[in-house]
Protein backbone atom coordinates (compact mmCIF):
# COMPACT_ATOMS: atom_id res chain seq x y z
CA UNK A 1 75.88 -17.24 32.38
CA UNK A 2 74.99 -19.36 35.58
CA UNK A 3 72.80 -20.39 38.24
CA UNK A 4 73.31 -20.98 41.98
CA UNK A 5 71.82 -21.14 44.80
CA UNK A 6 72.62 -17.70 47.09
CA UNK A 7 74.58 -18.45 50.16
CA UNK A 8 75.65 -16.23 52.94
CA UNK A 9 79.07 -15.36 51.27
CA UNK A 10 76.96 -14.07 48.25
CA UNK A 11 75.39 -11.41 50.64
CA UNK A 12 77.24 -8.46 49.29
CA UNK A 13 76.69 -8.62 45.49
CA UNK A 14 72.93 -9.41 46.15
CA UNK A 15 72.63 -6.37 48.01
CA UNK A 16 74.24 -4.24 45.21
CA UNK A 17 71.51 -6.45 43.08
CA UNK A 18 68.88 -5.13 44.97
CA UNK A 19 70.01 -1.62 45.38
CA UNK A 20 70.01 -1.29 41.11
CA UNK A 21 66.45 -2.52 41.09
CA UNK A 22 65.37 -0.15 43.79
CA UNK A 23 66.77 2.97 42.25
CA UNK A 24 65.43 1.61 38.49
CA UNK A 25 61.95 0.70 39.28
CA UNK A 26 61.22 3.18 41.68
CA UNK A 27 60.81 0.85 44.87
CA UNK A 28 62.94 2.30 47.82
CA UNK A 29 63.53 -1.14 48.78
CA UNK A 30 66.91 -1.26 49.53
CA UNK A 31 68.72 -3.94 51.42
CA UNK A 32 72.08 -4.47 53.08
CA UNK A 33 74.14 -7.04 53.39
CA UNK A 34 73.12 -7.88 57.18
CA UNK A 35 68.95 -7.20 56.08
CA UNK A 36 69.51 -10.23 53.82
CA UNK A 37 71.68 -12.44 55.83
CA UNK A 38 68.63 -12.10 58.19
CA UNK A 39 66.32 -13.15 55.41
CA UNK A 40 67.86 -16.57 54.96
CA UNK A 41 67.69 -17.01 58.44
CA UNK A 42 64.30 -16.76 58.57
CA UNK A 43 61.51 -19.86 60.01
CA UNK A 44 61.23 -22.54 57.40
CA UNK A 45 63.98 -20.66 54.86
CA UNK A 46 65.96 -23.23 53.50
CA UNK A 47 68.30 -20.86 51.40
CA UNK A 48 69.59 -24.13 48.78
CA UNK A 49 66.13 -24.65 47.40
CA UNK A 50 64.58 -21.21 48.22
CA UNK A 51 66.41 -18.95 46.72
CA UNK A 52 68.69 -18.36 43.82
CA UNK A 53 71.07 -16.02 41.89
CA UNK A 54 71.82 -15.79 37.85
CA UNK A 55 75.29 -14.81 37.18
CA UNK A 56 77.34 -13.28 34.80
CA UNK A 57 81.03 -13.14 34.84
CA UNK A 58 81.02 -13.18 38.49
CA UNK A 59 78.49 -10.29 38.80
CA UNK A 60 74.59 -11.26 40.38
CA UNK A 61 72.15 -10.29 37.56
CA UNK A 62 69.18 -11.85 38.69
CA UNK A 63 67.33 -13.62 42.03
CA UNK A 64 64.37 -15.20 42.51
CA UNK A 65 63.51 -15.63 46.18
CA UNK A 66 60.44 -18.40 47.46
CA UNK A 67 58.50 -17.79 50.74
CA UNK A 68 55.65 -20.29 52.39
CA UNK A 69 53.28 -18.92 55.38
CA UNK A 70 53.94 -21.63 58.27
CA UNK A 71 50.42 -20.99 58.76
CA UNK A 72 47.22 -21.85 56.08
CA UNK A 73 44.81 -18.99 55.58
CA UNK A 74 41.09 -20.68 54.78
CA UNK A 75 42.69 -24.06 54.43
CA UNK A 76 44.99 -22.93 51.40
CA UNK A 77 48.79 -22.47 51.87
CA UNK A 78 50.34 -18.98 50.29
CA UNK A 79 53.40 -18.77 48.74
CA UNK A 80 55.34 -15.67 47.77
CA UNK A 81 57.83 -15.27 45.10
CA UNK A 82 60.14 -12.41 44.82
CA UNK A 83 63.22 -11.43 43.03
CA UNK A 84 64.29 -9.56 39.74
CA UNK A 85 66.41 -9.10 36.89
CA UNK A 86 69.16 -6.48 36.36
CA UNK A 87 67.81 -4.31 33.62
CA UNK A 88 70.68 -4.76 31.00
CA UNK A 89 69.35 -8.77 31.42
CA UNK A 90 65.70 -8.12 31.02
CA UNK A 91 63.38 -9.67 28.68
CA UNK A 92 65.56 -12.45 27.88
CA UNK A 93 64.03 -15.06 29.85
CA UNK A 94 66.39 -15.47 32.47
CA UNK A 95 62.85 -14.02 35.02
CA UNK A 96 60.80 -17.24 33.44
CA UNK A 97 63.76 -19.14 34.34
CA UNK A 98 63.92 -18.34 37.49
CA UNK A 99 60.22 -18.53 38.02
CA UNK A 100 59.80 -21.87 36.74
CA UNK A 101 62.38 -23.55 39.09
CA UNK A 102 60.94 -21.64 41.90
CA UNK A 103 56.94 -22.19 40.48
CA UNK A 104 58.06 -26.41 41.11
CA UNK A 105 60.03 -25.78 44.21
CA UNK A 106 56.97 -24.31 45.91
CA UNK A 107 54.78 -26.96 44.38
CA UNK A 108 57.66 -29.65 46.16
CA UNK A 109 57.56 -27.55 49.50
CA UNK A 110 53.65 -27.38 49.80
CA UNK A 111 53.73 -31.30 49.32
CA UNK A 112 56.33 -31.74 51.97
CA UNK A 113 54.46 -29.78 54.58
CA UNK A 114 50.71 -29.95 53.33
CA UNK A 115 50.41 -32.65 51.00
CA UNK A 116 47.12 -32.24 48.70
CA UNK A 117 46.34 -28.82 49.90
CA UNK A 118 45.57 -25.87 47.71
CA UNK A 119 47.78 -22.89 47.75
CA UNK A 120 48.43 -19.39 45.78
CA UNK A 121 51.41 -18.31 44.85
CA UNK A 122 52.07 -14.11 44.74
CA UNK A 123 54.15 -11.77 42.92
CA UNK A 124 55.07 -8.38 43.04
CA UNK A 125 54.48 -6.58 39.35
CA UNK A 126 55.96 -3.58 40.19
CA UNK A 127 53.61 -0.28 38.72
CA UNK A 128 51.56 -1.01 36.00
CA UNK A 129 53.19 -1.66 33.21
CA UNK A 130 56.62 -3.04 34.10
CA UNK A 131 57.82 -6.02 33.07
CA UNK A 132 57.25 -7.99 35.58
CA UNK A 133 53.82 -8.15 35.46
CA UNK A 134 53.80 -9.15 32.00
CA UNK A 135 56.23 -12.16 33.11
CA UNK A 136 53.37 -13.03 35.54
CA UNK A 137 50.42 -12.91 32.77
CA UNK A 138 52.29 -14.80 30.34
CA UNK A 139 52.82 -17.25 33.42
CA UNK A 140 49.26 -17.61 34.11
CA UNK A 141 49.12 -14.93 37.01
CA UNK A 142 46.13 -12.90 37.44
CA UNK A 143 46.03 -9.20 38.70
CA UNK A 144 45.03 -9.61 42.04
CA UNK A 145 45.45 -6.50 44.36
CA UNK A 146 46.54 -3.28 44.25
CA UNK A 147 48.51 -2.13 46.92
CA UNK A 148 49.79 1.64 47.27
CA UNK A 149 53.14 3.21 49.01
CA UNK A 150 52.43 6.17 50.88
CA UNK A 151 54.75 8.83 52.40
CA UNK A 152 54.84 11.75 54.41
CA UNK A 153 57.49 14.67 55.55
CA UNK A 154 57.80 16.57 58.72
CA UNK A 155 55.91 19.70 56.73
CA UNK A 156 52.90 17.41 55.55
CA UNK A 157 52.22 16.10 58.80
CA UNK A 158 48.42 16.11 60.44
CA UNK A 159 49.00 14.98 64.04
CA UNK A 160 46.00 13.29 65.31
CA UNK A 161 45.45 13.13 69.16
CA UNK A 162 43.54 10.61 71.18
CA UNK A 163 39.93 10.11 71.25
CA UNK A 164 38.12 13.24 73.52
CA UNK A 165 37.49 10.70 76.69
CA UNK A 166 40.10 8.31 77.00
CA UNK A 167 39.68 5.57 79.61
CA UNK A 168 41.67 5.60 82.43
CA UNK A 169 42.21 2.17 81.95
CA UNK A 170 44.24 2.75 78.27
CA UNK A 171 48.14 2.99 77.99
CA UNK A 172 49.87 3.76 74.53
CA UNK A 173 53.15 2.34 75.53
CA UNK A 174 56.32 0.94 73.42
CA UNK A 175 56.56 -1.89 72.27
CA UNK A 176 58.68 -4.95 74.69
CA UNK A 177 58.65 -8.25 74.20
CA UNK A 178 56.54 -8.46 77.48
CA UNK A 179 53.59 -7.51 74.82
CA UNK A 180 55.02 -9.89 71.48
CA UNK A 181 52.45 -12.64 72.20
CA UNK A 182 49.60 -10.70 72.90
CA UNK A 183 50.14 -8.56 69.93
CA UNK A 184 50.85 -11.64 67.57
CA UNK A 185 47.62 -13.18 68.74
CA UNK A 186 45.89 -9.85 67.81
CA UNK A 187 47.83 -9.35 64.78
CA UNK A 188 46.15 -12.67 63.65
CA UNK A 189 43.01 -11.47 64.21
CA UNK A 190 43.32 -8.28 63.19
CA UNK A 191 44.52 -9.34 59.63
CA UNK A 192 41.99 -12.47 59.07
CA UNK A 193 39.90 -10.53 57.10
CA UNK A 194 42.90 -8.81 55.22
CA UNK A 195 43.30 -10.12 51.73
CA UNK A 196 46.61 -12.40 51.20
CA UNK A 197 47.20 -12.39 54.89
CA UNK A 198 48.12 -15.51 57.00
CA UNK A 199 48.64 -15.78 60.33
CA UNK A 200 52.19 -15.43 61.88
CA UNK A 201 54.22 -18.50 64.30
CA UNK A 202 55.30 -17.70 67.21
CA UNK A 203 58.62 -17.73 65.16
CA UNK A 204 57.71 -16.01 62.22
CA UNK A 205 56.84 -13.24 64.84
CA UNK A 206 60.10 -13.65 66.80
CA UNK A 207 62.63 -13.10 63.28
CA UNK A 208 60.12 -10.48 62.49
CA UNK A 209 60.33 -8.27 65.53
CA UNK A 210 63.92 -9.07 66.19
CA UNK A 211 65.28 -8.66 62.94
CA UNK A 212 67.80 -5.82 63.04
CA UNK A 213 65.37 -3.49 61.22
CA UNK A 214 62.52 -3.42 63.57
CA UNK A 215 62.80 -0.09 65.46
CA UNK A 216 60.36 -1.11 68.78
CA UNK A 217 61.42 2.45 70.19
CA UNK A 218 59.10 4.14 67.19
CA UNK A 219 56.31 1.14 67.85
CA UNK A 220 53.95 1.45 69.87
CA UNK A 221 51.17 -0.67 71.79
CA UNK A 222 47.63 0.68 73.06
CA UNK A 223 47.15 -1.64 76.21
CA UNK A 224 43.91 -2.04 78.35
CA UNK A 225 43.95 -2.61 81.87
CA UNK A 226 41.93 -5.93 82.77
CA UNK A 227 42.20 -6.07 86.14
CA UNK A 228 41.96 -8.75 88.25
CA UNK A 229 45.73 -9.43 88.03
CA UNK A 230 45.09 -10.40 84.49
CA UNK A 231 47.59 -9.02 82.10
CA UNK A 232 46.75 -5.90 79.89
CA UNK A 233 44.97 -6.31 76.83
CA UNK A 234 46.36 -4.84 73.30
CA UNK A 235 43.81 -3.10 71.06
CA UNK A 236 45.43 -1.70 68.81
CA UNK A 237 49.18 -1.38 67.36
CA UNK A 238 51.81 0.20 65.31
CA UNK A 239 55.24 -1.17 64.67
CA UNK A 240 58.19 -0.01 62.22
CA UNK A 241 61.12 -0.54 61.16
CA UNK A 242 64.12 0.88 59.31
CA UNK A 243 65.96 -0.28 56.27
CA UNK A 244 67.38 3.33 54.42
CA UNK A 245 68.68 6.52 56.52
CA UNK A 246 66.29 9.17 57.62
CA UNK A 247 63.74 7.20 56.67
CA UNK A 248 61.02 4.66 58.78
CA UNK A 249 58.75 2.86 57.45
CA UNK A 250 55.46 1.50 59.43
CA UNK A 251 55.53 -2.44 58.91
CA UNK A 252 51.97 -2.88 59.93
CA UNK A 253 49.17 -0.98 61.95
CA UNK A 254 46.41 -3.39 63.20
CA UNK A 255 43.29 -3.23 65.55
CA UNK A 256 41.54 -5.62 67.35
CA UNK A 257 37.72 -5.81 65.54
CA UNK A 258 35.97 -4.41 68.73
CA UNK A 259 37.71 -1.43 68.81
CA UNK A 260 37.63 -0.89 65.39
CA UNK A 261 36.39 3.22 64.72
CA UNK A 262 37.33 4.48 67.93
CA UNK A 263 40.14 6.19 67.04
CA UNK A 264 42.84 4.21 68.59
CA UNK A 265 44.82 3.46 64.99
CA UNK A 266 44.82 7.45 64.25
CA UNK A 267 46.02 8.16 67.84
CA UNK A 268 49.39 5.44 68.00
CA UNK A 269 50.35 6.54 64.67
CA UNK A 270 50.49 9.59 64.94
CA UNK A 271 52.61 9.18 67.81
CA UNK A 272 55.10 7.07 66.08
CA UNK A 273 55.07 9.52 63.72
CA UNK A 274 55.74 12.90 65.10
CA UNK A 275 58.07 11.00 67.73
CA UNK A 276 60.00 9.92 64.24
CA UNK A 277 60.20 13.88 62.96
CA UNK A 278 61.43 14.59 67.24
CA UNK A 279 63.99 12.42 66.35
CA UNK A 280 65.54 13.50 63.15
CA UNK A 281 63.77 10.82 60.62
CA UNK A 282 63.07 13.19 57.16
CA UNK A 283 60.17 11.34 56.22
CA UNK A 284 57.65 8.28 57.17
CA UNK A 285 56.05 5.78 54.63
CA UNK A 286 54.07 3.05 54.48
CA UNK A 287 52.11 0.05 52.15
CA UNK A 288 48.21 -0.54 52.07
CA UNK A 289 45.79 -2.56 50.47
CA UNK A 290 44.23 -0.17 48.01
CA UNK A 291 41.05 -2.62 48.80
CA UNK A 292 41.66 -2.60 52.77
CA UNK A 293 38.49 -3.76 54.69
CA UNK A 294 39.21 -1.01 56.97
CA UNK A 295 39.85 1.94 54.98
CA UNK A 296 43.25 2.01 56.33
CA UNK A 297 44.21 4.75 52.88
CA UNK A 298 41.58 6.86 54.21
CA UNK A 299 43.31 7.09 57.84
CA UNK A 300 47.09 7.80 56.45
CA UNK A 301 45.98 10.59 54.40
CA UNK A 302 43.81 12.18 57.73
CA UNK A 303 47.76 12.34 58.98
CA UNK A 304 49.22 13.97 55.68
CA UNK A 305 51.17 10.58 53.62
CA UNK A 306 50.07 10.97 50.27
CA UNK A 307 50.26 8.19 47.51
CA UNK A 308 54.08 8.39 45.69
CA UNK A 309 53.55 4.85 43.87
CA UNK A 310 51.10 2.05 42.85
CA UNK A 311 51.74 -1.60 42.41
CA UNK A 312 50.16 -5.11 41.50
CA UNK A 313 50.13 -8.10 43.12
CA UNK A 314 49.79 -10.95 40.69
CA UNK A 315 48.75 -14.43 41.99
CA UNK A 316 48.29 -17.96 40.49
CA UNK A 317 45.91 -20.41 42.12
CA UNK A 318 47.21 -24.33 42.31
CA UNK A 319 43.94 -26.22 43.25
CA UNK A 320 45.08 -29.94 44.32
CA UNK A 321 42.68 -31.23 46.40
């Protein structure tokens, strides 16, 4: 058994492990080699320090991965640690070993980027009762938030049309690079009151919307014409990605606070889902904070989405100031 930082040549073994974990833990999180190589190139990522693989006789049987948001939220840093251990090697202390190394790395990275700034570390605990949750509790993390994975198939989809009276100055269009910056700014505004979010930098936004998994043709932006030669202003957006054949994943849904409650998100999302089924997708998935301040789960249920699994995010707060 040995540890090694994850490098580009490890992508095939890493992908095989993520597939094993997705099947065992019923997470639907399947990643190809190309997806994982992109993760190693994410803004702020230092693979030789932020990713760690655990090997047994040439097979990757565990991994850990650290991400530090490039921006602060409410004066605090936000670290997330993900990973997993092959089922045959669980409950032997390997997960705790990886967590110890990555928590120490989190402290180092925060000290380098934001000296003496408080931060939180989040880790995914999978479904209630999973061994990852037991690991989190043993390391001083606490249950912080519950999330719901939801899915709809074409036979259960209930489309929602646009508002009864759509102003002429509103246009629902596909996502394009021309609206990237205003949508990024709107995303930071829309998610400012969402638990666990951190503002996305231009570099992070470009990496997300430039990833091979991003699907601009199944993403929509509601634009409001300003007149007087000003660029249209986005009011709402739905962004999508694809990691699994015949499945579209709704990555982000956001609405300007001034435009909430008008049915814009339901309209845009309905258009995306309808276009996905028209293109031959078998189902559409998403994940939602069960305590979302916008009541998002209610919107998704209106469109026919059903909860297929639940998960818990555990959090540890590190106070330095």
